[in-house]
Each structure stands twice: as C-alpha cells, then as structure tokens.
PDB file of N, CA and C in Angstrom:
ATOM      1  N   LEU A   1      14.455   6.588  -3.105  1.00  0.00           N
ATOM      2  CA  LEU A   1      13.210   6.333  -3.885  1.00  0.00           C
ATOM      3  C   LEU A   1      12.976   6.749  -5.324  1.00  0.00           C
ATOM      4  N   ILE A   2      12.628   5.768  -5.987  1.00  0.00           N
ATOM      5  CA  ILE A   2      12.499   5.739  -7.363  1.00  0.00           C
ATOM      6  C   ILE A   2      11.124   6.093  -8.040  1.00  0.00           C
ATOM      7  N   LEU A   3      10.881   7.281  -8.567  1.00  0.00           N
ATOM      8  CA  LEU A   3       9.658   7.596  -9.084  1.00  0.00           C
ATOM      9  C   LEU A   3       9.531   7.824 -10.550  1.00  0.00           C
ATOM     10  N   GLY A   4       8.371   7.762 -11.213  1.00  0.00           N
ATOM     11  CA  GLY A   4       8.253   7.933 -12.572  1.00  0.00           C
ATOM     12  C   GLY A   4       8.002   9.367 -12.552  1.00  0.00           C
ATOM     13  N   MET A   5       8.028  10.018 -13.679  1.00  0.00           N
ATOM     14  CA  MET A   5       7.452  11.632 -13.448  1.00  0.00           C
ATOM     15  C   MET A   5       6.250  11.809 -12.948  1.00  0.00           C
ATOM     16  N   ASP A   6       5.246  10.838 -13.510  1.00  0.00           N
ATOM     17  CA  ASP A   6       3.830  10.718 -13.279  1.00  0.00           C
ATOM     18  C   ASP A   6       3.749  10.785 -11.727  1.00  0.00           C
ATOM     19  N   ALA A   7       4.317   9.892 -11.133  1.00  0.00           N
ATOM     20  CA  ALA A   7       4.228   9.679  -9.532  1.00  0.00           C
ATOM     21  C   ALA A   7       4.832  11.071  -8.927  1.00  0.00           C
ATOM     22  N   PHE A   8       5.843  11.617  -9.317  1.00  0.00           N
ATOM     23  CA  PHE A   8       6.480  12.783  -8.718  1.00  0.00           C
ATOM     24  C   PHE A   8       5.589  13.793  -8.785  1.00  0.00           C
ATOM     25  N   LEU A   9       4.779  13.980 -10.022  1.00  0.00           N
ATOM     26  CA  LEU A   9       4.011  15.249 -10.151  1.00  0.00           C
ATOM     27  C   LEU A   9       2.721  14.999  -9.187  1.00  0.00           C
ATOM     28  N   GLY A  10       2.371  13.723  -8.967  1.00  0.00           N
ATOM     29  CA  GLY A  10       1.187  13.245  -7.921  1.00  0.00           C
ATOM     30  C   GLY A  10       1.620  13.401  -6.537  1.00  0.00           C
ATOM     31  N   LEU A  11       2.927  13.762  -6.192  1.00  0.00           N
ATOM     32  CA  LEU A  11       3.274  13.734  -4.636  1.00  0.00           C
ATOM     33  C   LEU A  11       2.410  14.465  -3.986  1.00  0.00           C
ATOM     34  N   PRO A  12       2.144  15.527  -4.256  1.00  0.00           N
ATOM     35  CA  PRO A  12       1.384  16.624  -3.412  1.00  0.00           C
ATOM     36  C   PRO A  12      -0.169  16.054  -3.096  1.00  0.00           C
ATOM     37  N   GLN A  13      -0.498  15.028  -3.519  1.00  0.00           N
ATOM     38  CA  GLN A  13      -1.689  14.113  -2.815  1.00  0.00           C
ATOM     39  C   GLN A  13      -1.403  13.246  -2.012  1.00  0.00           C
ATOM     40  N   TRP A  14      -0.116  12.896  -1.630  1.00  0.00           N
ATOM     41  CA  TRP A  14       0.273  11.950  -0.688  1.00  0.00           C
ATOM     42  C   TRP A  14       0.312  12.815   0.793  1.00  0.00           C
ATOM     43  N   HIS A  15       0.049  11.903   1.872  1.00  0.00           N
ATOM     44  CA  HIS A  15       0.067  12.311   3.142  1.00  0.00           C
ATOM     45  C   HIS A  15       1.436  12.688   3.561  1.00  0.00           C
ATOM     46  N   LYS A  16       1.582  13.877   4.050  1.00  0.00           N
ATOM     47  CA  LYS A  16       2.874  14.528   4.493  1.00  0.00           C
ATOM     48  C   LYS A  16       4.191  14.187   3.395  1.00  0.00           C
ATOM     49  N   TRP A  17       3.998  14.612   2.049  1.00  0.00           N
ATOM     50  CA  TRP A  17       4.720  13.936   1.104  1.00  0.00           C
ATOM     51  C   TRP A  17       5.899  14.790   0.938  1.00  0.00           C
ATOM     52  N   GLU A  18       5.816  16.052   1.703  1.00  0.00           N
ATOM     53  CA  GLU A  18       7.385  16.841   1.783  1.00  0.00           C
ATOM     54  C   GLU A  18       8.246  16.171   2.820  1.00  0.00           C
ATOM     55  N   ARG A  19       8.001  15.284   3.468  1.00  0.00           N
ATOM     56  CA  ARG A  19       8.718  14.642   4.464  1.00  0.00           C
ATOM     57  C   ARG A  19       9.754  13.717   3.642  1.00  0.00           C
ATOM     58  N   LEU A  20       9.203  13.189   2.441  1.00  0.00           N
ATOM     59  CA  LEU A  20      10.186  12.377   1.795  1.00  0.00           C
ATOM     60  C   LEU A  20      11.374  12.553   1.785  1.00  0.00           C
ATOM     61  N   ILE A  21      11.713  13.668   1.299  1.00  0.00           N
ATOM     62  CA  ILE A  21      12.974  14.443   0.851  1.00  0.00           C
ATOM     63  C   ILE A  21      14.018  14.517   2.097  1.00  0.00           C
ATOM     64  N   THR A  22      13.447  14.279   3.318  1.00  0.00           N
ATOM     65  CA  THR A  22      14.132  14.172   4.499  1.00  0.00           C
ATOM     66  C   THR A  22      14.445  12.817   4.987  1.00  0.00           C
ATOM     67  N   LEU A  23      13.622  11.882   4.070  1.00  0.00           N
ATOM     68  CA  LEU A  23      14.185  10.386   4.446  1.00  0.00           C
ATOM     69  C   LEU A  23      14.700   9.618   3.436  1.00  0.00           C
ATOM     70  N   ALA A  24      14.713  10.274   2.139  1.00  0.00           N
ATOM     71  CA  ALA A  24      15.557   9.609   1.167  1.00  0.00           C
ATOM     72  C   ALA A  24      15.919  10.567   0.086  1.00  0.00           C
ATOM     73  N   ASN A  25      16.642  10.081  -1.034  1.00  0.00           N
ATOM     74  CA  ASN A  25      16.892  10.961  -2.149  1.00  0.00           C
ATOM     75  C   ASN A  25      15.850  10.720  -2.918  1.00  0.00           C
ATOM     76  N   LEU A  26      15.479  11.264  -4.078  1.00  0.00           N
ATOM     77  CA  LEU A  26      14.529  10.875  -4.854  1.00  0.00           C
ATOM     78  C   LEU A  26      15.208  10.920  -6.384  1.00  0.00           C
ATOM     79  N   LEU A  27      15.002  10.041  -7.030  1.00  0.00           N
ATOM     80  CA  LEU A  27      15.396   9.631  -8.350  1.00  0.00           C
ATOM     81  C   LEU A  27      14.157   9.506  -9.326  1.00  0.00           C
ATOM     82  N   VAL A  28      13.684  10.817 -10.117  1.00  0.00           N
ATOM     83  CA  VAL A  28      12.728  10.712 -10.896  1.00  0.00           C
ATOM     84  C   VAL A  28      12.810  10.273 -12.130  1.00  0.00           C
ATOM     85  N   VAL A  29      12.222   9.252 -12.645  1.00  0.00           N
ATOM     86  CA  VAL A  29      12.652   8.899 -14.137  1.00  0.00           C
ATOM     87  C   VAL A  29      11.532   9.652 -14.756  1.00  0.00           C
ATOM     88  N   HIS A  30      12.186  10.317 -15.994  1.00  0.00           N
ATOM     89  CA  HIS A  30      11.519  10.993 -16.997  1.00  0.00           C
ATOM     90  C   HIS A  30      10.863  10.205 -18.036  1.00  0.00           C
ATOM     91  N   ARG A  31       9.494  10.198 -17.952  1.00  0.00           N
ATOM     92  CA  ARG A  31       8.627   9.155 -18.820  1.00  0.00           C
ATOM     93  C   ARG A  31       8.163  10.154 -20.173  1.00  0.00           C
ATOM     94  N   LEU A  32       8.327   9.846 -21.209  1.00  0.00           N
ATOM     95  CA  LEU A  32       7.740  10.512 -22.360  1.00  0.00           C
ATOM     96  C   LEU A  32       6.227  10.897 -22.031  1.00  0.00           C
ATOM     97  N   GLY A  33       5.876  12.261 -22.517  1.00  0.00           N
ATOM     98  CA  GLY A  33       4.837  12.741 -22.278  1.00  0.00           C
ATOM     99  C   GLY A  33       4.537  12.941 -20.943  1.00  0.00           C
ATOM    100  N   ALA A  34       5.234  13.071 -20.024  1.00  0.00           N
ATOM    101  CA  ALA A  34       4.688  13.348 -18.364  1.00  0.00           C
ATOM    102  C   ALA A  34       5.863  14.453 -18.031  1.00  0.00           C
ATOM    103  N   ASP A  35       6.183  15.338 -18.859  1.00  0.00           N
ATOM    104  CA  ASP A  35       7.231  16.442 -18.720  1.00  0.00           C
ATOM    105  C   ASP A  35       6.513  17.233 -17.408  1.00  0.00           C
ATOM    106  N   LEU A  36       7.541  17.935 -16.866  1.00  0.00           N
ATOM    107  CA  LEU A  36       6.974  18.808 -15.892  1.00  0.00           C
ATOM    108  C   LEU A  36       6.377  20.090 -16.250  1.00  0.00           C
ATOM    109  N   PRO A  37       5.415  20.309 -16.130  1.00  0.00           N
ATOM    110  CA  PRO A  37       4.600  21.563 -16.640  1.00  0.00           C
ATOM    111  C   PRO A  37       5.327  22.955 -16.119  1.00  0.00           C
ATOM    112  N   GLU A  38       5.310  23.909 -16.677  1.00  0.00           N
ATOM    113  CA  GLU A  38       6.085  25.183 -16.323  1.00  0.00           C
ATOM    114  C   GLU A  38       5.627  25.672 -14.786  1.00  0.00           C
ATOM    115  N   LYS A  39       4.247  25.719 -14.746  1.00  0.00           N
ATOM    116  CA  LYS A  39       3.683  26.344 -13.604  1.00  0.00           C
ATOM    117  C   LYS A  39       3.031  25.331 -12.759  1.00  0.00           C
ATOM    118  N   HIS A  40       3.801  23.921 -12.502  1.00  0.00           N
ATOM    119  CA  HIS A  40       3.225  23.091 -11.740  1.00  0.00           C
ATOM    120  C   HIS A  40       3.677  23.426 -10.229  1.00  0.00           C
ATOM    121  N   THR A  41       2.920  22.817  -9.335  1.00  0.00           N
ATOM    122  CA  THR A  41       3.096  23.137  -7.755  1.00  0.00           C
ATOM    123  C   THR A  41       4.574  22.580  -7.346  1.00  0.00           C
ATOM    124  N   MET A  42       4.977  21.507  -8.221  1.00  0.00           N
ATOM    125  CA  MET A  42       6.458  20.756  -8.028  1.00  0.00           C
ATOM    126  C   MET A  42       7.336  21.439  -8.386  1.00  0.00           C
ATOM    127  N   GLN A  43       7.339  22.782  -9.273  1.00  0.00           N
ATOM    128  CA  GLN A  43       8.453  23.378  -9.664  1.00  0.00           C
ATOM    129  C   GLN A  43       9.434  24.044  -8.491  1.00  0.00           C
ATOM    130  N   ASP A  44       8.795  24.426  -7.346  1.00  0.00           N
ATOM    131  CA  ASP A  44       9.324  25.173  -6.276  1.00  0.00           C
ATOM    132  C   ASP A  44      10.256  23.941  -5.885  1.00  0.00           C
ATOM    133  N   PHE A  45       9.729  22.825  -5.369  1.00  0.00           N
ATOM    134  CA  PHE A  45      10.179  21.618  -4.855  1.00  0.00           C
ATOM    135  C   PHE A  45      11.371  21.143  -5.604  1.00  0.00           C
ATOM    136  N   LEU A  46      11.156  21.343  -6.847  1.00  0.00           N
ATOM    137  CA  LEU A  46      12.281  20.794  -7.810  1.00  0.00           C
ATOM    138  C   LEU A  46      13.649  21.925  -7.530  1.00  0.00           C
ATOM    139  N   LYS A  47      13.318  23.019  -7.668  1.00  0.00           N
ATOM    140  CA  LYS A  47      14.266  24.014  -7.634  1.00  0.00           C
ATOM    141  C   LYS A  47      15.024  23.874  -6.319  1.00  0.00           C
ATOM    142  N   ALA A  48      14.480  23.460  -5.115  1.00  0.00           N
ATOM    143  CA  ALA A  48      14.895  23.483  -3.815  1.00  0.00           C
ATOM    144  C   ALA A  48      15.945  22.385  -3.802  1.00  0.00           C
ATOM    145  N   TYR A  49      15.454  21.157  -4.144  1.00  0.00           N
ATOM    146  CA  TYR A  49      16.331  19.887  -4.066  1.00  0.00           C
ATOM    147  C   TYR A  49      16.923  19.250  -5.177  1.00  0.00           C
ATOM    148  N   GLN A  50      16.860  19.776  -6.458  1.00  0.00           N
ATOM    149  CA  GLN A  50      17.508  19.122  -7.555  1.00  0.00           C
ATOM    150  C   GLN A  50      19.056  19.286  -7.399  1.00  0.00           C
ATOM    151  N   ALA A  51      19.604  18.094  -7.546  1.00  0.00           N
ATOM    152  CA  ALA A  51      21.213  17.955  -7.460  1.00  0.00           C
ATOM    153  C   ALA A  51      21.920  18.586  -8.721  1.00  0.00           C
ATOM    154  N   ASP A  52      23.021  18.991  -8.521  1.00  0.00           N
ATOM    155  CA  ASP A  52      23.781  19.339  -9.500  1.00  0.00           C
ATOM    156  C   ASP A  52      24.026  18.363 -10.613  1.00  0.00           C
ATOM    157  N   SER A  53      24.181  17.018  -9.786  1.00  0.00           N
ATOM    158  CA  SER A  53      24.565  15.685 -10.858  1.00  0.00           C
ATOM    159  C   SER A  53      23.962  14.553 -10.110  1.00  0.00           C
ATOM    160  N   HIS A  54      23.901  13.506 -10.863  1.00  0.00           N
ATOM    161  CA  HIS A  54      23.386  12.121 -10.177  1.00  0.00           C
ATOM    162  C   HIS A  54      24.502  11.632  -9.205  1.00  0.00           C
ATOM    163  N   GLU A  55      25.481  12.040  -9.162  1.00  0.00           N
ATOM    164  CA  GLU A  55      26.633  11.507  -8.215  1.00  0.00           C
ATOM    165  C   GLU A  55      26.182  12.043  -6.641  1.00  0.00           C
ATOM    166  N   ALA A  56      25.558  13.273  -6.623  1.00  0.00           N
ATOM    167  CA  ALA A  56      24.921  13.545  -5.374  1.00  0.00           C
ATOM    168  C   ALA A  56      24.178  12.610  -4.480  1.00  0.00           C
ATOM    169  N   LEU A  57      23.375  11.730  -5.348  1.00  0.00           N
ATOM    170  CA  LEU A  57      22.584  10.930  -4.686  1.00  0.00           C
ATOM    171  C   LEU A  57      23.293   9.665  -4.008  1.00  0.00           C
ATOM    172  N   SER A  58      24.663   9.517  -4.613  1.00  0.00           N
ATOM    173  CA  SER A  58      25.429   8.387  -3.706  1.00  0.00           C
ATOM    174  C   SER A  58      26.228   9.179  -2.716  1.00  0.00           C
ATOM    175  N   LYS A  59      26.231  10.268  -2.735  1.00  0.00           N
ATOM    176  CA  LYS A  59      26.931  11.127  -1.500  1.00  0.00           C
ATOM    177  C   LYS A  59      26.346  11.446  -0.099  1.00  0.00           C
ATOM    178  N   GLN A  60      25.001  11.152  -0.261  1.00  0.00           N
ATOM    179  CA  GLN A  60      24.301  11.761   0.851  1.00  0.00           C
ATOM    180  C   GLN A  60      22.928  10.671   0.714  1.00  0.00           C
ATOM    181  N   THR A  61      22.304  10.423   2.041  1.00  0.00           N
ATOM    182  CA  THR A  61      21.278   9.552   2.279  1.00  0.00           C
ATOM    183  C   THR A  61      19.806  10.110   1.901  1.00  0.00           C
ATOM    184  N   ALA A  62      19.926  11.521   1.993  1.00  0.00           N
ATOM    185  CA  ALA A  62      18.560  12.004   1.840  1.00  0.00           C
ATOM    186  C   ALA A  62      18.892  13.736   1.493  1.00  0.00           C
ATOM    187  N   GLY A  63      17.754  14.371   0.876  1.00  0.00           N
ATOM    188  CA  GLY A  63      17.992  15.697   0.566  1.00  0.00           C
ATOM    189  C   GLY A  63      17.911  15.976  -0.739  1.00  0.00           C
ATOM    190  N   ALA A  64      18.459  14.835  -1.651  1.00  0.00           N
ATOM    191  CA  ALA A  64      18.765  15.472  -3.000  1.00  0.00           C
ATOM    192  C   ALA A  64      17.647  14.665  -3.894  1.00  0.00           C
ATOM    193  N   LEU A  65      17.561  15.302  -5.254  1.00  0.00           N
ATOM    194  CA  LEU A  65      16.684  14.947  -6.113  1.00  0.00           C
ATOM    195  C   LEU A  65      17.160  15.274  -7.611  1.00  0.00           C
ATOM    196  N   TRP A  66      16.916  13.970  -8.273  1.00  0.00           N
ATOM    197  CA  TRP A  66      17.770  13.957  -9.615  1.00  0.00           C
ATOM    198  C   TRP A  66      16.561  13.444 -10.542  1.00  0.00           C
ATOM    199  N   ILE A  67      16.510  14.055 -11.743  1.00  0.00           N
ATOM    200  CA  ILE A  67      15.793  13.771 -12.819  1.00  0.00           C
ATOM    201  C   ILE A  67      16.459  13.108 -13.750  1.00  0.00           C
ATOM    202  N   GLU A  68      16.151  11.538 -14.065  1.00  0.00           N
ATOM    203  CA  GLU A  68      16.981  10.649 -14.954  1.00  0.00           C
ATOM    204  C   GLU A  68      16.139  10.841 -16.344  1.00  0.00           C
ATOM    205  N   GLU A  69      16.700  10.955 -17.663  1.00  0.00           N
ATOM    206  CA  GLU A  69      16.048  10.771 -18.763  1.00  0.00           C
ATOM    207  C   GLU A  69      16.352   9.503 -19.232  1.00  0.00           C
ATOM    208  N   ILE A  70      15.557   8.459 -19.486  1.00  0.00           N
ATOM    209  CA  ILE A  70      15.997   7.208 -19.921  1.00  0.00           C
ATOM    210  C   ILE A  70      15.067   6.773 -20.904  1.00  0.00           C
ATOM    211  N   PRO A  71      15.584   6.163 -22.041  1.00  0.00           N
ATOM    212  CA  PRO A  71      14.529   5.442 -22.877  1.00  0.00           C
ATOM    213  C   PRO A  71      13.785   4.759 -22.620  1.00  0.00           C
ATOM    214  N   ILE A  72      12.562   4.693 -22.819  1.00  0.00           N
ATOM    215  CA  ILE A  72      11.371   3.786 -22.398  1.00  0.00           C
ATOM    216  C   ILE A  72      10.978   2.881 -23.421  1.00  0.00           C
ATOM    217  N   LEU A  73      10.967   1.836 -23.082  1.00  0.00           N
ATOM    218  CA  LEU A  73      10.300   0.775 -23.946  1.00  0.00           C
ATOM    219  C   LEU A  73       8.824   0.775 -24.089  1.00  0.00           C
ATOM    220  N   ASN A  74       8.101   0.684 -25.265  1.00  0.00           N
ATOM    221  CA  ASN A  74       6.875   0.585 -25.316  1.00  0.00           C
ATOM    222  C   ASN A  74       6.218  -0.571 -24.737  1.00  0.00           C
ATOM    223  N   ILE A  75       6.249  -1.152 -23.655  1.00  0.00           N
ATOM    224  CA  ILE A  75       5.800  -2.003 -23.100  1.00  0.00           C
ATOM    225  C   ILE A  75       5.470  -1.964 -21.558  1.00  0.00           C
ATOM    226  N   SER A  76       4.283  -2.511 -21.063  1.00  0.00           N
ATOM    227  CA  SER A  76       4.249  -2.291 -19.579  1.00  0.00           C
ATOM    228  C   SER A  76       4.472  -3.579 -19.031  1.00  0.00           C
ATOM    229  N   ALA A  77       4.554  -3.367 -17.467  1.00  0.00           N
ATOM    230  CA  ALA A  77       4.917  -4.485 -16.545  1.00  0.00           C
ATOM    231  C   ALA A  77       3.812  -5.482 -16.649  1.00  0.00           C
ATOM    232  N   THR A  78       2.646  -5.174 -16.857  1.00  0.00           N
ATOM    233  CA  THR A  78       1.543  -6.234 -17.031  1.00  0.00           C
ATOM    234  C   THR A  78       1.799  -7.211 -18.263  1.00  0.00           C
ATOM    235  N   GLN A  79       2.485  -6.519 -19.295  1.00  0.00           N
ATOM    236  CA  GLN A  79       2.657  -7.269 -20.527  1.00  0.00           C
ATOM    237  C   GLN A  79       3.815  -8.108 -20.378  1.00  0.00           C
ATOM    238  N   ILE A  80       4.922  -7.678 -19.510  1.00  0.00           N
ATOM    239  CA  ILE A  80       6.199  -8.294 -19.227  1.00  0.00           C
ATOM    240  C   ILE A  80       5.569  -9.699 -18.435  1.00  0.00           C
ATOM    241  N   ARG A  81       4.924  -9.312 -17.394  1.00  0.00           N
ATOM    242  CA  ARG A  81       4.272 -10.467 -16.662  1.00  0.00           C
ATOM    243  C   ARG A  81       3.716 -11.702 -17.101  1.00  0.00           C
ATOM    244  N   GLY A  82       2.788 -11.196 -18.403  1.00  0.00           N
ATOM    245  CA  GLY A  82       2.010 -12.006 -19.132  1.00  0.00           C
ATOM    246  C   GLY A  82       2.915 -12.781 -19.833  1.00  0.00           C
ATOM    247  N   LEU A  83       4.225 -12.230 -20.560  1.00  0.00           N
ATOM    248  CA  LEU A  83       5.009 -12.916 -21.224  1.00  0.00           C
ATOM    249  C   LEU A  83       5.642 -14.050 -20.330  1.00  0.00           C
ATOM    250  N   ILE A  84       6.132 -13.733 -19.223  1.00  0.00           N
ATOM    251  CA  ILE A  84       6.478 -14.558 -18.106  1.00  0.00           C
ATOM    252  C   ILE A  84       5.590 -15.842 -17.773  1.00  0.00           C
ATOM    253  N   ALA A  85       4.544 -15.659 -17.777  1.00  0.00           N
ATOM    254  CA  ALA A  85       3.386 -16.603 -17.433  1.00  0.00           C
ATOM    255  C   ALA A  85       3.080 -17.427 -18.660  1.00  0.00           C
ATOM    256  N   ALA A  86       3.470 -16.712 -19.807  1.00  0.00           N
ATOM    257  CA  ALA A  86       3.159 -17.574 -21.020  1.00  0.00           C
ATOM    258  C   ALA A  86       4.489 -18.504 -21.631  1.00  0.00           C
ATOM    259  N   GLY A  87       5.507 -18.109 -20.773  1.00  0.00           N
ATOM    260  CA  GLY A  87       6.877 -18.857 -20.770  1.00  0.00           C
ATOM    261  C   GLY A  87       7.692 -18.417 -21.980  1.00  0.00           C
ATOM    262  N   LYS A  88       7.380 -17.137 -22.271  1.00  0.00           N
ATOM    263  CA  LYS A  88       8.064 -16.445 -23.376  1.00  0.00           C
ATOM    264  C   LYS A  88       9.521 -15.626 -22.750  1.00  0.00           C
ATOM    265  N   ASN A  89      10.392 -15.659 -23.650  1.00  0.00           N
ATOM    266  CA  ASN A  89      11.693 -14.917 -23.286  1.00  0.00           C
ATOM    267  C   ASN A  89      11.415 -13.468 -23.050  1.00  0.00           C
ATOM    268  N   THR A  90      11.921 -12.997 -21.847  1.00  0.00           N
ATOM    269  CA  THR A  90      11.881 -11.599 -21.658  1.00  0.00           C
ATOM    270  C   THR A  90      13.487 -11.105 -21.451  1.00  0.00           C
ATOM    271  N   ARG A  91      14.153 -11.775 -21.823  1.00  0.00           N
ATOM    272  CA  ARG A  91      15.765 -11.420 -21.696  1.00  0.00           C
ATOM    273  C   ARG A  91      16.212  -9.894 -22.000  1.00  0.00           C
ATOM    274  N   TYR A  92      15.489  -9.540 -23.033  1.00  0.00           N
ATOM    275  CA  TYR A  92      16.050  -7.950 -23.269  1.00  0.00           C
ATOM    276  C   TYR A  92      15.009  -6.888 -22.791  1.00  0.00           C
ATOM    277  N   LEU A  93      14.041  -7.456 -21.865  1.00  0.00           N
ATOM    278  CA  LEU A  93      13.188  -6.627 -21.504  1.00  0.00           C
ATOM    279  C   LEU A  93      13.193  -6.229 -20.040  1.00  0.00           C
ATOM    280  N   LEU A  94      14.180  -7.098 -19.227  1.00  0.00           N
ATOM    281  CA  LEU A  94      14.465  -6.870 -17.877  1.00  0.00           C
ATOM    282  C   LEU A  94      16.063  -7.027 -17.459  1.00  0.00           C
ATOM    283  N   PRO A  95      16.462  -6.265 -16.371  1.00  0.00           N
ATOM    284  CA  PRO A  95      17.876  -6.660 -16.348  1.00  0.00           C
ATOM    285  C   PRO A  95      18.208  -7.985 -15.744  1.00  0.00           C
ATOM    286  N   VAL A  96      19.364  -8.588 -15.864  1.00  0.00           N
ATOM    287  CA  VAL A  96      19.574  -9.941 -15.385  1.00  0.00           C
ATOM    288  C   VAL A  96      19.259 -10.133 -14.308  1.00  0.00           C
ATOM    289  N   ALA A  97      19.682  -9.183 -12.963  1.00  0.00           N
ATOM    290  CA  ALA A  97      19.121  -9.551 -11.740  1.00  0.00           C
ATOM    291  C   ALA A  97      18.005  -9.600 -11.306  1.00  0.00           C
ATOM    292  N   VAL A  98      17.102  -8.614 -12.211  1.00  0.00           N
ATOM    293  CA  VAL A  98      15.571  -8.993 -11.975  1.00  0.00           C
ATOM    294  C   VAL A  98      15.099 -10.387 -12.565  1.00  0.00           C
ATOM    295  N   LEU A  99      15.798 -10.756 -13.584  1.00  0.00           N
ATOM    296  CA  LEU A  99      15.538 -12.173 -14.299  1.00  0.00           C
ATOM    297  C   LEU A  99      15.520 -13.105 -13.327  1.00  0.00           C
ATOM    298  N   ASP A 100      16.944 -13.188 -12.660  1.00  0.00           N
ATOM    299  CA  ASP A 100      17.596 -13.973 -11.725  1.00  0.00           C
ATOM    300  C   ASP A 100      16.353 -14.155 -10.631  1.00  0.00           C
ATOM    301  N   ILE A 101      15.856 -13.097 -10.133  1.00  0.00           N
ATOM    302  CA  ILE A 101      14.715 -13.356  -8.920  1.00  0.00           C
ATOM    303  C   ILE A 101      13.476 -13.890  -9.414  1.00  0.00           C
ATOM    304  N   ILE A 102      12.988 -13.301 -10.700  1.00  0.00           N
ATOM    305  CA  ILE A 102      12.001 -14.118 -10.986  1.00  0.00           C
ATOM    306  C   ILE A 102      12.098 -15.528 -11.213  1.00  0.00           C
ATOM    307  N   ASN A 103      12.886 -16.066 -11.684  1.00  0.00           N
ATOM    308  CA  ASN A 103      13.358 -17.323 -12.159  1.00  0.00           C
ATOM    309  C   ASN A 103      13.486 -18.101 -10.761  1.00  0.00           C
ATOM    310  N   THR A 104      14.174 -17.546  -9.884  1.00  0.00           N
ATOM    311  CA  THR A 104      14.642 -18.274  -8.735  1.00  0.00           C
ATOM    312  C   THR A 104      13.549 -18.545  -7.952  1.00  0.00           C
ATOM    313  N   HIS A 105      12.544 -17.473  -7.850  1.00  0.00           N
ATOM    314  CA  HIS A 105      11.306 -17.670  -7.037  1.00  0.00           C
ATOM    315  C   HIS A 105      10.160 -18.093  -7.770  1.00  0.00           C
ATOM    316  N   GLN A 106      10.369 -18.242  -9.050  1.00  0.00           N
ATOM    317  CA  GLN A 106       9.081 -18.968  -9.718  1.00  0.00           C
ATOM    318  C   GLN A 106       7.946 -17.854  -9.829  1.00  0.00           C
ATOM    319  N   LEU A 107       8.445 -16.483  -9.983  1.00  0.00           N
ATOM    320  CA  LEU A 107       7.442 -15.647 -10.032  1.00  0.00           C
ATOM    321  C   LEU A 107       6.450 -15.440 -11.341  1.00  0.00           C
ATOM    322  N   TYR A 108       5.151 -14.999 -11.069  1.00  0.00           N
ATOM    323  CA  TYR A 108       4.263 -14.660 -12.449  1.00  0.00           C
ATOM    324  C   TYR A 108       3.980 -16.098 -13.285  1.00  0.00           C
ATOM    325  N   ARG A 109       4.307 -17.146 -12.825  1.00  0.00           N
ATOM    326  CA  ARG A 109       3.840 -18.268 -13.463  1.00  0.00           C
ATOM    327  C   ARG A 109       2.730 -19.357 -12.939  1.00  0.00           C
TER     328      ARG A 109
END
C-alpha cells in the first residue's frame, strides 16, 4: 500500500487501521512539509514496523513499513488531468506506463 506522509499520519482515523500492516506492506512517500512530528501517535507504529531497507518490502507480503523520500513536483493530479483534457503534453509529468493506460483508455478527455 502506497501512502503519502499526510495519509500515513491520518491512519489512526481509519476504521481498524492497525490491521493494515497485517494485510500489506506500507510504502510511505515523504512529502515536503508533512514530516512525522516527534511526538505523533504514529511514532510507535513506525518504530515497530519500519524495515531496515526498502528491499524488505519485496521479501515479504505484509508487516513492513518503509518511508521513501522522493522529489515532489509542484503540480497536482488535478492539474495533470486538466492538461490531459486540454490535449497538452504530460510526458515528463507521468511514468510511461501510466501515460499508456491513459491514452489507451482515453481517460480524462
């Protein structure tokens, strides 16, 4: 399960959220401005399940958590959908596989 840091921090608001880690690995994408506060309720959860490396997520089907820091483009999914609807080129904003699916199924047009 891939989550942004903001969604990860909001997990305690989900129904039976603690069960997620028994069903899947969690990949948390670090977003600028959404750091894990030092005294957040998710600190203990993070300490209990954080893997030593991202490779752990491919070695088991559930029970591991990894925080991946990636550069974030200053553009939203809504803006990307708008560009597609306007017929603009989004080649450098989306992975090729995603573009292929969008084009094949004529999504957002």
